[in-house]
Amino acid sequence: MELTGIFPAIVTPFDAGGTFDATVFEKHIRRLYEAGVDGLYVLGQTGEGTQQSLQQRELVLEAAIGNSPPGKLVIAHVGAASTMDALRLCRHAEISGAHIISSLPPIGSYSYAEIRGYYETLAASTSLPVLLYHHPETCPEITPDRALDLCSIPNVLGFKFTDFNLFLLTLIRGRGKVVLNGRDEQLAAGLLMGANGGIGTFYNIFPRLFVEIFRFACKGQWSQAAELQILLNPILKKIFDAGLLPATREVLQHQGFACGVALLPRAPITDTVLKTLLRDLEMLPSPINDYLIRA
C-alpha cells in the first residue's frame, strides 16, 4: 500500500483522574487535520498506550478512526505487556477500521530470536500491513543487520524509523520497504535520504510546519526544507531537555488543548522549567512562530 506523508504520534488527552478525554481528543484531531496531516499514529509512546488499560486503548483508537476523514490513514500501535494483549488489540484494530498495525518490540529482556518470533506472530495474525518500530535506545537488540532481516517477514510494510542511522534507512528503502522517519529533528534529512514521510511527537505542536517541510521535500526544494528544520531544532531541543512527554502536554495546554498530565510514574516538569519554556515559545523567530497554531 502507499504510505507517505506526515503522521502525528498523537497525544492521548486525560482528565484529572487519568481517564481518556474524548472531547479534547476530537478537538485536537480536527486541528491536526486542518493543518494538513495525512493521518495519525495512535497509542504509541507519545500516546502512552502501554500505560493504559486495554479497554481504554480500544476507546481511544475508535475515536481516532471515527474522527478521521476519508483518505486519511490511522496507524494503530498495539504493543503491550504480553503477546496475547497485543493480538487482542490487533484484532480490535482490524475490526474497527484501522489501516495499519504497528508495534514496539515486546516489553522486557528478550533475545533477537524471541523479538523476531513476536513480529512473525503479529504479522501472521492480521490482514493489515504491519509497520515495525526501530528504536535502538528502546531495543538495542535490533541491530542494523537484524533490522534488514526483519524486512523479510511476510506482511511487514516497513518501519517507524526512530534512528539517526540514515545509511540504514537507505538500505531498508532499497529492500522496497516503507520508512517513516521518527527523529523529528532530522525529518528533512530523512526525507532527502528516501524516507516516505514521518511520524513524530512534535507534529502535535507544529503540525503545519512539518507538513510544510514535507511539501518542500516533495517538490525537491531541499534548501527551504532544511532552512525550516534548522530554525525549528533549537526549540525542539529545549522541549526535549524539559522532558519530552510532560513538556509536550504543557505546550499543548498553552496552545489551548487541555490534554492533562502524563501518566504516572512520569513526573511533571517544574514550574521554573515551564515558565522558561513558555517564554522561549513566545520568542520563536519568524517564520517558525508563523506556523504555531493556537485554539
Protein backbone atom coordinates (compact mmCIF):
# COMPACT_ATOMS: atom_id res chain seq x y z
CA MET A 1 0.00 0.00 0.00
CA GLU A 2 1.07 3.59 -0.45
CA LEU A 3 2.08 5.10 2.86
CA THR A 4 3.53 8.56 2.65
CA GLY A 5 3.20 11.88 4.43
CA ILE A 6 3.07 13.35 7.92
CA PHE A 7 1.59 11.34 10.80
CA PRO A 8 1.49 12.87 14.28
CA ALA A 9 2.19 10.40 17.07
CA ILE A 10 -0.87 11.81 18.73
CA VAL A 11 -1.04 12.62 22.45
CA THR A 12 -3.85 10.92 24.36
CA PRO A 13 -5.69 13.53 26.47
CA PHE A 14 -6.53 12.58 30.06
CA ASP A 15 -8.80 14.18 32.63
CA ALA A 16 -7.72 14.75 36.23
CA GLY A 17 -8.31 11.08 37.05
CA GLY A 18 -6.21 9.77 34.17
CA THR A 19 -9.25 8.75 32.11
CA PHE A 20 -9.36 9.34 28.37
CA ASP A 21 -10.86 12.73 27.46
CA ALA A 22 -12.63 12.16 24.15
CA THR A 23 -13.79 15.78 23.77
CA VAL A 24 -10.27 17.24 23.84
CA PHE A 25 -9.04 14.37 21.63
CA GLU A 26 -11.60 15.16 18.94
CA LYS A 27 -10.73 18.86 19.08
CA HIS A 28 -7.02 18.10 18.74
CA ILE A 29 -7.64 15.71 15.84
CA ARG A 30 -9.59 18.39 13.97
CA ARG A 31 -6.73 20.83 14.48
CA LEU A 32 -4.19 18.33 13.11
CA TYR A 33 -6.21 17.51 10.01
CA GLU A 34 -6.88 21.19 9.36
CA ALA A 35 -3.10 21.63 9.38
CA GLY A 36 -2.82 19.10 6.53
CA VAL A 37 -1.51 15.93 8.18
CA ASP A 38 -2.01 12.64 6.36
CA GLY A 39 -3.17 10.51 9.26
CA LEU A 40 -2.49 9.58 12.87
CA TYR A 41 -0.18 7.24 14.76
CA VAL A 42 -2.26 6.25 17.77
CA LEU A 43 -1.25 4.91 21.20
CA GLY A 44 2.49 4.73 20.69
CA GLN A 45 4.99 6.01 23.23
CA THR A 46 3.75 9.59 22.81
CA GLY A 47 0.16 8.42 23.26
CA GLU A 48 1.20 6.41 26.33
CA GLY A 49 -0.57 3.35 25.00
CA THR A 50 1.21 0.72 27.08
CA GLN A 51 0.31 2.57 30.32
CA GLN A 52 -3.43 2.37 29.63
CA SER A 53 -5.91 -0.47 30.07
CA LEU A 54 -6.83 -2.49 27.00
CA GLN A 55 -10.41 -1.25 27.22
CA GLN A 56 -9.33 2.39 27.24
CA ARG A 57 -6.91 1.81 24.37
CA GLU A 58 -9.77 0.43 22.32
CA LEU A 59 -11.87 3.52 23.02
CA VAL A 60 -9.00 5.83 22.03
CA LEU A 61 -8.44 4.02 18.75
CA GLU A 62 -12.15 4.02 17.90
CA ALA A 63 -12.25 7.78 18.50
CA ALA A 64 -9.22 8.32 16.25
CA ILE A 65 -10.78 6.26 13.46
CA GLY A 66 -14.21 7.84 13.86
CA ASN A 67 -12.80 11.36 13.62
CA SER A 68 -10.50 10.77 10.65
CA PRO A 69 -11.83 11.91 7.25
CA PRO A 70 -11.88 9.59 4.23
CA GLY A 71 -8.46 9.24 2.67
CA LYS A 72 -6.60 9.69 5.96
CA LEU A 73 -4.75 6.72 7.45
CA VAL A 74 -4.88 5.57 11.06
CA ILE A 75 -1.91 3.54 12.29
CA ALA A 76 -2.71 1.59 15.46
CA HIS A 77 0.14 0.85 17.84
CA VAL A 78 -0.69 -2.45 19.56
CA GLY A 79 2.48 -3.12 21.55
CA ALA A 80 1.55 -4.39 25.01
CA ALA A 81 2.79 -6.20 28.09
CA SER A 82 2.04 -9.59 26.56
CA THR A 83 1.71 -11.08 23.10
CA MET A 84 -1.86 -12.11 23.95
CA ASP A 85 -2.79 -8.50 24.69
CA ALA A 86 -1.09 -7.30 21.52
CA LEU A 87 -3.04 -9.83 19.46
CA ARG A 88 -6.31 -8.71 21.07
CA LEU A 89 -5.53 -5.08 20.20
CA CYS A 90 -4.55 -6.14 16.70
CA ARG A 91 -7.89 -7.88 16.14
CA HIS A 92 -9.76 -4.89 17.53
CA ALA A 93 -7.84 -2.50 15.27
CA GLU A 94 -8.70 -4.52 12.19
CA ILE A 95 -12.39 -4.80 13.09
CA SER A 96 -12.60 -1.10 13.96
CA GLY A 97 -11.23 0.10 10.64
CA ALA A 98 -7.58 0.93 11.29
CA HIS A 99 -5.43 0.85 8.18
CA ILE A 100 -2.05 -0.30 9.52
CA ILE A 101 -0.79 -2.12 12.61
CA SER A 102 2.40 -1.08 14.36
CA SER A 103 4.23 -2.26 17.44
CA LEU A 104 7.30 -1.68 19.51
CA PRO A 105 9.22 -4.88 20.25
CA PRO A 106 7.85 -6.84 23.23
CA ILE A 107 8.47 -5.15 26.56
CA GLY A 108 11.24 -6.81 28.58
CA SER A 109 14.60 -8.50 28.10
CA TYR A 110 14.17 -10.75 25.08
CA SER A 111 16.59 -12.26 22.61
CA TYR A 112 16.51 -11.27 18.96
CA ALA A 113 15.01 -14.65 18.09
CA GLU A 114 12.18 -14.00 20.54
CA ILE A 115 11.62 -10.49 19.18
CA ARG A 116 11.53 -11.80 15.63
CA GLY A 117 9.09 -14.51 16.68
CA TYR A 118 6.84 -11.87 18.22
CA TYR A 119 6.74 -9.88 14.99
CA GLU A 120 6.13 -13.03 12.95
CA THR A 121 3.17 -13.91 15.19
CA LEU A 122 1.76 -10.40 14.98
CA ALA A 123 2.12 -10.15 11.20
CA ALA A 124 0.51 -13.57 10.66
CA SER A 125 -2.49 -12.67 12.82
CA THR A 126 -3.86 -9.87 10.64
CA SER A 127 -4.64 -8.96 7.06
CA LEU A 128 -3.47 -5.41 7.75
CA PRO A 129 0.09 -4.43 6.84
CA VAL A 130 2.47 -4.20 9.79
CA LEU A 131 4.82 -1.29 10.45
CA LEU A 132 7.68 -2.36 12.71
CA TYR A 133 9.25 0.04 15.19
CA HIS A 134 13.01 0.53 15.09
CA HIS A 135 14.27 2.47 18.10
CA PRO A 136 17.83 1.49 19.14
CA GLU A 137 17.56 3.27 22.50
CA THR A 138 14.46 1.25 23.37
CA CYS A 139 15.55 -2.05 21.83
CA PRO A 140 19.30 -2.27 21.10
CA GLU A 141 18.87 -5.96 20.26
CA ILE A 142 17.66 -4.87 16.81
CA THR A 143 20.97 -4.05 15.18
CA PRO A 144 21.16 -2.73 11.60
CA ASP A 145 21.69 -6.24 10.21
CA ARG A 146 18.73 -7.52 12.20
CA ALA A 147 16.54 -4.64 11.07
CA LEU A 148 17.25 -5.71 7.49
CA ASP A 149 16.45 -9.30 8.43
CA LEU A 150 13.05 -8.25 9.79
CA CYS A 151 12.19 -6.90 6.34
CA SER A 152 11.79 -10.48 5.13
CA ILE A 153 8.84 -11.26 7.44
CA PRO A 154 5.67 -11.64 5.34
CA ASN A 155 3.16 -8.78 5.70
CA VAL A 156 5.78 -6.34 7.02
CA LEU A 157 5.28 -2.98 5.33
CA GLY A 158 8.34 -1.28 6.75
CA PHE A 159 9.48 0.70 9.78
CA LYS A 160 8.75 3.60 12.03
CA PHE A 161 12.42 4.53 11.99
CA THR A 162 13.49 6.32 15.19
CA ASP A 163 17.19 6.17 14.45
CA PHE A 164 19.88 8.61 13.32
CA ASN A 165 21.42 5.98 11.02
CA LEU A 166 20.41 7.33 7.62
CA PHE A 167 22.61 4.79 5.87
CA LEU A 168 20.44 2.03 7.33
CA LEU A 169 17.37 3.99 6.22
CA THR A 170 18.58 3.83 2.62
CA LEU A 171 19.25 0.09 2.90
CA ILE A 172 15.73 -0.58 4.17
CA ARG A 173 14.28 1.53 1.36
CA GLY A 174 16.43 -0.50 -1.02
CA ARG A 175 14.56 -3.59 0.16
CA GLY A 176 11.37 -1.96 -1.09
CA LYS A 177 10.06 -1.22 2.41
CA VAL A 178 8.37 1.92 3.69
CA VAL A 179 10.35 4.05 6.14
CA LEU A 180 8.68 6.77 8.19
CA ASN A 181 11.26 9.00 9.85
CA GLY A 182 10.85 9.03 13.63
CA ARG A 183 13.51 11.55 14.61
CA ASP A 184 11.65 14.84 14.29
CA GLU A 185 14.84 16.87 14.43
CA GLN A 186 16.07 15.23 11.22
CA LEU A 187 12.90 14.96 9.14
CA ALA A 188 14.34 16.99 6.27
CA ALA A 189 17.49 14.84 6.19
CA GLY A 190 15.47 11.63 6.43
CA LEU A 191 13.29 12.68 3.51
CA LEU A 192 16.38 13.59 1.48
CA MET A 193 17.72 10.07 2.06
CA GLY A 194 14.50 8.43 0.92
CA ALA A 195 12.06 8.33 3.84
CA ASN A 196 8.42 8.16 2.75
CA GLY A 197 7.33 10.61 5.42
CA GLY A 198 7.44 10.92 9.16
CA ILE A 199 5.83 10.01 12.48
CA GLY A 200 6.57 12.37 15.32
CA THR A 201 5.73 13.73 18.74
CA PHE A 202 6.45 17.35 17.81
CA TYR A 203 3.90 17.13 15.00
CA ASN A 204 1.32 17.64 17.79
CA ILE A 205 2.74 21.11 18.44
CA PHE A 206 3.93 22.24 14.99
CA PRO A 207 1.75 20.27 12.53
CA ARG A 208 1.73 22.88 9.76
CA LEU A 209 5.48 23.31 9.94
CA PHE A 210 6.22 19.61 9.48
CA VAL A 211 3.64 19.42 6.68
CA GLU A 212 5.48 22.31 5.02
CA ILE A 213 8.87 20.57 5.35
CA PHE A 214 7.35 17.51 3.70
CA ARG A 215 5.83 19.59 0.88
CA PHE A 216 9.16 21.29 0.21
CA ALA A 217 10.79 17.85 0.05
CA CYS A 218 8.16 16.54 -2.37
CA LYS A 219 8.93 19.48 -4.68
CA GLY A 220 12.69 18.97 -4.40
CA GLN A 221 13.09 22.30 -2.60
CA TRP A 222 15.67 20.94 -0.22
CA SER A 223 17.20 24.24 0.86
CA GLN A 224 13.78 25.51 2.00
CA ALA A 225 13.10 22.25 3.86
CA ALA A 226 16.49 22.42 5.57
CA GLU A 227 16.01 26.07 6.49
CA LEU A 228 12.78 25.34 8.35
CA GLN A 229 14.33 22.31 10.05
CA ILE A 230 17.37 24.27 11.22
CA LEU A 231 15.23 27.11 12.56
CA LEU A 232 12.98 24.65 14.37
CA ASN A 233 15.58 22.43 16.03
CA PRO A 234 16.65 24.77 18.89
CA ILE A 235 13.13 24.83 20.34
CA LEU A 236 12.82 21.07 19.85
CA LYS A 237 15.95 20.64 21.96
CA LYS A 238 14.52 22.84 24.69
CA ILE A 239 11.36 20.73 24.81
CA PHE A 240 13.47 17.56 24.86
CA ASP A 241 15.56 18.95 27.70
CA ALA A 242 12.47 19.95 29.69
CA GLY A 243 11.09 16.39 29.48
CA LEU A 244 9.58 15.37 26.16
CA LEU A 245 6.16 13.99 27.08
CA PRO A 246 5.21 16.22 30.03
CA ALA A 247 6.61 19.29 28.25
CA THR A 248 4.67 18.47 25.09
CA ARG A 249 1.48 18.32 27.13
CA GLU A 250 2.25 21.67 28.74
CA VAL A 251 2.82 23.29 25.35
CA LEU A 252 -0.47 21.86 24.08
CA GLN A 253 -2.16 23.30 27.15
CA HIS A 254 -0.60 26.67 26.26
CA GLN A 255 -1.98 26.31 22.72
CA GLY A 256 -5.49 25.70 24.03
CA PHE A 257 -5.64 21.90 24.12
CA ALA A 258 -6.02 20.70 27.71
CA CYS A 259 -4.52 17.23 27.36
CA GLY A 260 -3.81 16.76 31.07
CA VAL A 261 -0.62 15.43 32.60
CA ALA A 262 1.39 12.37 31.64
CA LEU A 263 0.54 9.14 33.43
CA LEU A 264 2.48 8.02 36.48
CA PRO A 265 5.25 7.30 37.15
CA ARG A 266 6.29 10.05 34.73
CA ALA A 267 6.82 13.27 36.70
CA PRO A 268 5.59 16.71 35.56
CA ILE A 269 8.07 19.42 34.71
CA THR A 270 8.76 22.06 37.37
CA ASP A 271 7.16 25.49 37.37
CA THR A 272 10.54 27.09 36.74
CA VAL A 273 11.22 24.92 33.69
CA LEU A 274 7.70 25.51 32.38
CA LYS A 275 8.00 29.28 32.74
CA THR A 276 11.27 29.28 30.81
CA LEU A 277 9.86 27.02 28.11
CA LEU A 278 6.75 29.14 27.56
CA ARG A 279 8.90 32.26 27.37
CA ASP A 280 11.05 30.59 24.72
CA LEU A 281 7.95 29.67 22.73
CA GLU A 282 6.76 33.27 22.74
CA MET A 283 10.15 34.38 21.39
CA LEU A 284 10.35 31.97 18.45
CA PRO A 285 11.76 33.59 15.33
CA SER A 286 9.79 34.10 12.16
CA PRO A 287 8.85 32.02 10.18
CA ILE A 288 8.68 29.36 12.93
CA ASN A 289 6.26 31.41 15.02
CA ASP A 290 4.04 31.82 11.96
CA TYR A 291 3.40 28.06 11.94
CA LEU A 292 2.19 27.84 15.53
CA ILE A 293 -1.50 27.01 15.76
CA ARG A 294 -3.48 28.08 18.79
CA ALA A 295 -7.07 27.19 19.58
